[in-house]
N, C-alpha and C. Protein backbone atom coordinates (compact mmCIF):
# COMPACT_ATOMS: atom_id res chain seq x y z
N MET A 1 36.64 47.36 -4.48
CA MET A 1 35.37 47.97 -4.80
C MET A 1 34.45 47.82 -3.58
N GLN A 2 33.89 48.92 -3.14
CA GLN A 2 32.98 48.91 -2.00
C GLN A 2 31.61 48.39 -2.42
N MET A 3 31.10 47.41 -1.68
CA MET A 3 29.76 46.87 -1.94
C MET A 3 28.92 47.12 -0.69
N PRO A 4 28.19 48.24 -0.67
CA PRO A 4 27.35 48.52 0.51
C PRO A 4 26.21 47.51 0.61
N LYS A 5 25.75 47.31 1.81
CA LYS A 5 24.64 46.39 2.06
C LYS A 5 23.39 47.19 2.38
N ALA A 6 22.30 46.79 1.77
CA ALA A 6 21.01 47.40 2.10
C ALA A 6 20.47 46.69 3.34
N SER A 7 19.78 47.44 4.18
CA SER A 7 19.15 46.83 5.35
C SER A 7 17.93 46.04 4.89
N GLU A 8 17.44 45.17 5.74
CA GLU A 8 16.22 44.42 5.41
C GLU A 8 15.04 45.38 5.20
N GLU A 9 15.01 46.46 5.96
CA GLU A 9 13.95 47.47 5.80
C GLU A 9 14.04 48.13 4.42
N GLN A 10 15.25 48.47 3.97
CA GLN A 10 15.43 49.07 2.65
C GLN A 10 15.04 48.09 1.54
N LYS A 11 15.42 46.82 1.72
CA LYS A 11 15.05 45.80 0.73
C LYS A 11 13.53 45.65 0.64
N GLN A 12 12.86 45.65 1.79
CA GLN A 12 11.40 45.50 1.78
C GLN A 12 10.74 46.72 1.16
N HIS A 13 11.27 47.90 1.45
CA HIS A 13 10.73 49.12 0.84
C HIS A 13 10.85 49.05 -0.69
N PHE A 14 11.99 48.57 -1.18
CA PHE A 14 12.20 48.41 -2.62
C PHE A 14 11.18 47.43 -3.20
N ARG A 15 11.02 46.27 -2.54
CA ARG A 15 10.04 45.28 -3.00
C ARG A 15 8.63 45.88 -3.03
N ASP A 16 8.29 46.65 -2.01
CA ASP A 16 6.96 47.27 -1.93
C ASP A 16 6.76 48.28 -3.07
N LEU A 17 7.78 49.09 -3.36
CA LEU A 17 7.68 50.05 -4.46
C LEU A 17 7.49 49.33 -5.79
N ILE A 18 8.25 48.27 -6.01
CA ILE A 18 8.16 47.52 -7.27
C ILE A 18 6.77 46.88 -7.38
N ALA A 19 6.29 46.31 -6.28
CA ALA A 19 4.96 45.69 -6.30
C ALA A 19 3.88 46.72 -6.60
N GLU A 20 4.02 47.93 -6.05
CA GLU A 20 3.04 48.98 -6.29
C GLU A 20 3.05 49.41 -7.75
N VAL A 21 4.22 49.62 -8.31
CA VAL A 21 4.34 50.09 -9.69
C VAL A 21 4.03 48.97 -10.69
N GLY A 22 4.50 47.77 -10.40
CA GLY A 22 4.36 46.68 -11.36
C GLY A 22 3.22 45.73 -11.07
N ALA A 23 2.25 46.16 -10.27
CA ALA A 23 1.16 45.27 -9.86
C ALA A 23 0.39 44.70 -11.04
N SER A 24 0.27 45.46 -12.11
CA SER A 24 -0.50 44.97 -13.25
C SER A 24 0.37 44.26 -14.28
N ALA A 25 1.64 44.11 -13.99
CA ALA A 25 2.56 43.46 -14.93
C ALA A 25 3.12 42.18 -14.31
N PRO A 26 2.50 41.04 -14.62
CA PRO A 26 2.95 39.79 -13.99
C PRO A 26 4.37 39.39 -14.38
N GLU A 27 4.90 39.96 -15.47
CA GLU A 27 6.26 39.61 -15.89
C GLU A 27 7.33 40.35 -15.10
N VAL A 28 6.95 41.20 -14.16
CA VAL A 28 7.90 41.91 -13.30
C VAL A 28 8.31 41.01 -12.15
N GLU A 29 9.61 40.93 -11.92
CA GLU A 29 10.10 40.14 -10.79
C GLU A 29 11.29 40.82 -10.13
N VAL A 30 11.42 40.62 -8.83
CA VAL A 30 12.55 41.13 -8.07
C VAL A 30 13.44 39.94 -7.75
N LYS A 31 14.74 40.10 -8.06
CA LYS A 31 15.69 39.01 -7.85
C LYS A 31 16.96 39.56 -7.20
N PRO A 32 17.64 38.71 -6.42
CA PRO A 32 18.94 39.11 -5.89
C PRO A 32 19.96 39.21 -7.03
N MET A 33 20.85 40.19 -6.90
CA MET A 33 21.86 40.38 -7.93
C MET A 33 23.12 40.94 -7.28
N PHE A 34 24.16 40.15 -7.22
CA PHE A 34 25.44 40.57 -6.64
C PHE A 34 25.28 41.10 -5.22
N GLY A 35 24.45 40.45 -4.43
CA GLY A 35 24.23 40.88 -3.05
C GLY A 35 23.27 42.04 -2.92
N GLN A 36 22.72 42.50 -4.02
CA GLN A 36 21.77 43.61 -4.03
C GLN A 36 20.43 43.05 -4.54
N LEU A 37 19.50 43.94 -4.87
CA LEU A 37 18.23 43.53 -5.48
C LEU A 37 18.06 44.24 -6.81
N GLY A 38 17.48 43.53 -7.78
CA GLY A 38 17.16 44.13 -9.06
C GLY A 38 15.71 43.82 -9.41
N ALA A 39 15.07 44.73 -10.11
CA ALA A 39 13.71 44.53 -10.59
C ALA A 39 13.79 44.38 -12.11
N PHE A 40 13.18 43.31 -12.61
CA PHE A 40 13.31 42.95 -14.02
C PHE A 40 11.94 42.84 -14.67
N VAL A 41 11.90 43.17 -15.96
CA VAL A 41 10.71 42.93 -16.78
C VAL A 41 11.21 42.26 -18.06
N ASN A 42 10.62 41.12 -18.36
CA ASN A 42 11.04 40.33 -19.53
C ASN A 42 12.55 40.07 -19.54
N GLY A 43 13.13 39.90 -18.37
CA GLY A 43 14.55 39.59 -18.26
C GLY A 43 15.47 40.79 -18.26
N ASN A 44 14.95 41.99 -18.44
CA ASN A 44 15.76 43.21 -18.47
C ASN A 44 15.56 43.99 -17.18
N MET A 45 16.66 44.43 -16.58
CA MET A 45 16.58 45.18 -15.33
C MET A 45 16.13 46.61 -15.59
N PHE A 46 15.14 47.07 -14.81
CA PHE A 46 14.67 48.45 -14.94
C PHE A 46 14.91 49.26 -13.67
N ALA A 47 15.13 48.61 -12.54
CA ALA A 47 15.40 49.32 -11.29
C ALA A 47 16.25 48.41 -10.41
N GLY A 48 17.02 49.03 -9.53
CA GLY A 48 17.86 48.24 -8.65
C GLY A 48 18.15 48.97 -7.36
N LEU A 49 18.62 48.19 -6.42
CA LEU A 49 19.00 48.69 -5.11
C LEU A 49 20.50 48.44 -4.97
N PHE A 50 21.25 49.46 -4.60
CA PHE A 50 22.69 49.33 -4.35
C PHE A 50 22.94 49.97 -3.01
N GLY A 51 23.01 49.13 -1.98
CA GLY A 51 23.06 49.66 -0.63
C GLY A 51 21.74 50.40 -0.40
N PRO A 52 21.80 51.64 0.09
CA PRO A 52 20.56 52.39 0.31
C PRO A 52 20.05 53.11 -0.94
N ASP A 53 20.84 53.09 -2.03
CA ASP A 53 20.49 53.85 -3.23
C ASP A 53 19.56 53.05 -4.15
N LEU A 54 18.56 53.73 -4.65
CA LEU A 54 17.63 53.14 -5.62
C LEU A 54 17.95 53.76 -6.97
N GLY A 55 18.18 52.90 -7.96
CA GLY A 55 18.50 53.40 -9.29
C GLY A 55 17.52 52.89 -10.32
N VAL A 56 17.38 53.65 -11.40
CA VAL A 56 16.46 53.30 -12.48
C VAL A 56 17.16 53.46 -13.82
N LYS A 57 16.73 52.66 -14.79
CA LYS A 57 17.25 52.75 -16.16
C LYS A 57 16.27 53.60 -16.96
N LEU A 58 16.79 54.66 -17.56
CA LEU A 58 15.93 55.60 -18.26
C LEU A 58 16.45 55.89 -19.66
N ALA A 59 15.53 56.21 -20.56
CA ALA A 59 15.89 56.70 -21.88
C ALA A 59 16.42 58.13 -21.73
N GLU A 60 17.13 58.59 -22.74
CA GLU A 60 17.81 59.88 -22.68
C GLU A 60 16.96 61.06 -22.20
N PRO A 61 15.77 61.30 -22.74
CA PRO A 61 15.03 62.49 -22.27
C PRO A 61 14.73 62.46 -20.77
N ASP A 62 14.30 61.29 -20.26
CA ASP A 62 14.02 61.19 -18.83
C ASP A 62 15.30 61.24 -18.00
N ALA A 63 16.38 60.67 -18.52
CA ALA A 63 17.66 60.70 -17.80
C ALA A 63 18.15 62.13 -17.62
N VAL A 64 17.96 62.96 -18.63
CA VAL A 64 18.36 64.37 -18.55
C VAL A 64 17.56 65.09 -17.48
N VAL A 65 16.26 64.84 -17.44
CA VAL A 65 15.39 65.47 -16.44
C VAL A 65 15.79 65.02 -15.03
N LEU A 66 15.99 63.72 -14.84
CA LEU A 66 16.36 63.22 -13.52
C LEU A 66 17.73 63.74 -13.09
N ALA A 67 18.69 63.76 -14.00
CA ALA A 67 20.03 64.27 -13.66
C ALA A 67 19.95 65.75 -13.26
N ALA A 68 19.11 66.52 -13.94
CA ALA A 68 18.96 67.94 -13.61
C ALA A 68 18.31 68.15 -12.25
N SER A 69 17.54 67.14 -11.79
CA SER A 69 16.89 67.28 -10.48
C SER A 69 17.68 66.58 -9.37
N GLY A 70 18.92 66.21 -9.66
CA GLY A 70 19.79 65.66 -8.62
C GLY A 70 20.13 64.19 -8.74
N GLY A 71 19.66 63.52 -9.77
CA GLY A 71 20.00 62.10 -9.97
C GLY A 71 21.47 61.98 -10.32
N GLY A 72 22.11 60.96 -9.76
CA GLY A 72 23.53 60.78 -10.01
C GLY A 72 23.84 59.37 -10.44
N PRO A 73 25.13 59.05 -10.59
CA PRO A 73 25.53 57.71 -11.01
C PRO A 73 25.00 56.65 -10.06
N PHE A 74 24.75 55.46 -10.59
CA PHE A 74 24.21 54.35 -9.81
C PHE A 74 25.20 53.19 -9.85
N GLY A 75 25.47 52.65 -8.68
CA GLY A 75 26.37 51.50 -8.58
C GLY A 75 27.67 51.90 -7.91
N PRO A 76 28.67 51.04 -8.02
CA PRO A 76 29.95 51.34 -7.38
C PRO A 76 30.57 52.62 -7.94
N VAL A 77 31.17 53.42 -7.09
CA VAL A 77 31.80 54.67 -7.52
C VAL A 77 32.85 54.38 -8.59
N GLU A 78 33.57 53.27 -8.42
CA GLU A 78 34.64 52.92 -9.35
C GLU A 78 34.12 52.50 -10.71
N ARG A 79 32.86 52.04 -10.74
CA ARG A 79 32.32 51.51 -11.99
C ARG A 79 30.79 51.61 -12.01
N PRO A 80 30.26 52.85 -12.15
CA PRO A 80 28.80 53.00 -12.15
C PRO A 80 28.17 52.30 -13.36
N MET A 81 26.91 51.92 -13.20
CA MET A 81 26.20 51.21 -14.26
C MET A 81 25.72 52.21 -15.32
N GLY A 82 26.11 52.00 -16.55
CA GLY A 82 25.70 52.86 -17.65
C GLY A 82 24.19 52.81 -17.87
N GLY A 83 23.60 53.97 -18.10
CA GLY A 83 22.18 54.03 -18.38
C GLY A 83 21.29 54.09 -17.14
N TYR A 84 21.89 53.97 -15.95
CA TYR A 84 21.12 53.99 -14.70
C TYR A 84 21.50 55.23 -13.91
N LEU A 85 20.51 55.79 -13.23
CA LEU A 85 20.74 56.93 -12.34
C LEU A 85 20.14 56.64 -10.98
N THR A 86 20.81 57.13 -9.93
CA THR A 86 20.30 57.03 -8.57
C THR A 86 19.24 58.11 -8.37
N LEU A 87 18.16 57.73 -7.73
CA LEU A 87 17.11 58.71 -7.43
C LEU A 87 17.54 59.59 -6.27
N PRO A 88 17.33 60.91 -6.37
CA PRO A 88 17.58 61.77 -5.22
C PRO A 88 16.57 61.44 -4.12
N ALA A 89 16.92 61.75 -2.89
CA ALA A 89 16.07 61.43 -1.73
C ALA A 89 14.67 62.03 -1.85
N ASP A 90 14.54 63.20 -2.47
CA ASP A 90 13.24 63.85 -2.54
C ASP A 90 12.44 63.50 -3.81
N ALA A 91 12.95 62.57 -4.60
CA ALA A 91 12.26 62.18 -5.85
C ALA A 91 11.04 61.33 -5.55
N ASP A 92 10.06 61.38 -6.44
CA ASP A 92 8.88 60.53 -6.36
C ASP A 92 9.28 59.17 -6.94
N ALA A 93 9.66 58.25 -6.07
CA ALA A 93 10.19 56.95 -6.51
C ALA A 93 9.21 56.20 -7.39
N THR A 94 7.93 56.22 -7.05
CA THR A 94 6.97 55.45 -7.87
C THR A 94 6.87 56.04 -9.28
N GLU A 95 6.96 57.34 -9.41
CA GLU A 95 6.91 57.95 -10.75
C GLU A 95 8.10 57.49 -11.59
N TRP A 96 9.30 57.59 -11.02
CA TRP A 96 10.51 57.25 -11.77
C TRP A 96 10.61 55.75 -12.04
N ILE A 97 10.21 54.93 -11.09
CA ILE A 97 10.21 53.48 -11.33
C ILE A 97 9.20 53.15 -12.43
N GLY A 98 8.05 53.81 -12.40
CA GLY A 98 7.04 53.61 -13.44
C GLY A 98 7.56 53.97 -14.82
N ARG A 99 8.27 55.09 -14.91
CA ARG A 99 8.86 55.49 -16.20
C ARG A 99 9.87 54.45 -16.67
N ALA A 100 10.71 54.00 -15.74
CA ALA A 100 11.73 53.01 -16.09
C ALA A 100 11.07 51.71 -16.55
N LEU A 101 10.05 51.27 -15.82
CA LEU A 101 9.35 50.04 -16.18
C LEU A 101 8.76 50.16 -17.58
N ALA A 102 8.09 51.26 -17.88
CA ALA A 102 7.47 51.45 -19.19
C ALA A 102 8.51 51.43 -20.30
N GLN A 103 9.63 52.09 -20.08
CA GLN A 103 10.66 52.16 -21.11
C GLN A 103 11.34 50.81 -21.33
N VAL A 104 11.65 50.12 -20.26
CA VAL A 104 12.35 48.85 -20.39
C VAL A 104 11.41 47.75 -20.86
N ALA A 105 10.13 47.81 -20.48
CA ALA A 105 9.15 46.82 -20.95
C ALA A 105 8.99 46.86 -22.46
N ALA A 106 9.29 48.00 -23.09
CA ALA A 106 9.18 48.13 -24.54
C ALA A 106 10.36 47.48 -25.27
N LEU A 107 11.41 47.12 -24.54
CA LEU A 107 12.56 46.46 -25.16
C LEU A 107 12.23 45.01 -25.46
N PRO A 108 12.96 44.40 -26.41
CA PRO A 108 12.74 42.98 -26.65
C PRO A 108 13.12 42.16 -25.42
N PRO A 109 12.42 41.04 -25.19
CA PRO A 109 12.78 40.20 -24.04
C PRO A 109 14.22 39.72 -24.16
N LYS A 110 14.86 39.64 -23.02
CA LYS A 110 16.25 39.17 -22.99
C LYS A 110 16.25 37.65 -23.20
N ALA A 111 17.11 37.21 -24.09
CA ALA A 111 17.21 35.77 -24.36
C ALA A 111 17.89 35.09 -23.18
N PRO A 112 17.37 33.94 -22.75
CA PRO A 112 18.01 33.24 -21.64
C PRO A 112 19.39 32.75 -22.04
N LYS A 113 20.29 32.78 -21.08
CA LYS A 113 21.65 32.29 -21.34
C LYS A 113 21.64 30.77 -21.38
N PRO A 114 22.45 30.20 -22.26
CA PRO A 114 22.52 28.74 -22.28
C PRO A 114 23.15 28.23 -20.99
N PRO A 115 22.81 27.01 -20.59
CA PRO A 115 23.40 26.48 -19.36
C PRO A 115 24.91 26.35 -19.50
N ARG A 116 25.61 26.58 -18.40
CA ARG A 116 27.07 26.47 -18.40
C ARG A 116 27.46 25.00 -18.43
N ALA A 117 28.51 24.73 -19.13
CA ALA A 117 29.02 23.36 -19.20
C ALA A 117 29.65 22.98 -17.87
N LYS A 118 29.45 21.75 -17.47
CA LYS A 118 30.06 21.27 -16.22
C LYS A 118 31.53 20.97 -16.47
N ARG A 119 32.31 21.24 -15.47
CA ARG A 119 33.76 20.98 -15.60
C ARG A 119 34.11 19.68 -14.97
């Protein structure tokens, strides 16, 4: 499975977009995830970076609109992430990230995983 790497510039651009969209939501955080970056609200991922691609999690009506405007699968070609779409280069990233944040923020908070037992 190919795991592309985002440049430091791409990672900073992602962080800047998330900060701009989620500035009024203190529960938004950006964390590393499998060598990539993910943006989370209440423990649920709403946007991510996979190499140079920015993806968002959208409800069905918005996903249909984004797919019709060129949004495609997000994540590894062999195993794209369900429910997420890659933003086309000409998309308004702040608009789509904002939609994703609003939709995912309405979900129940993700329960923390119990600590793993030591071996």
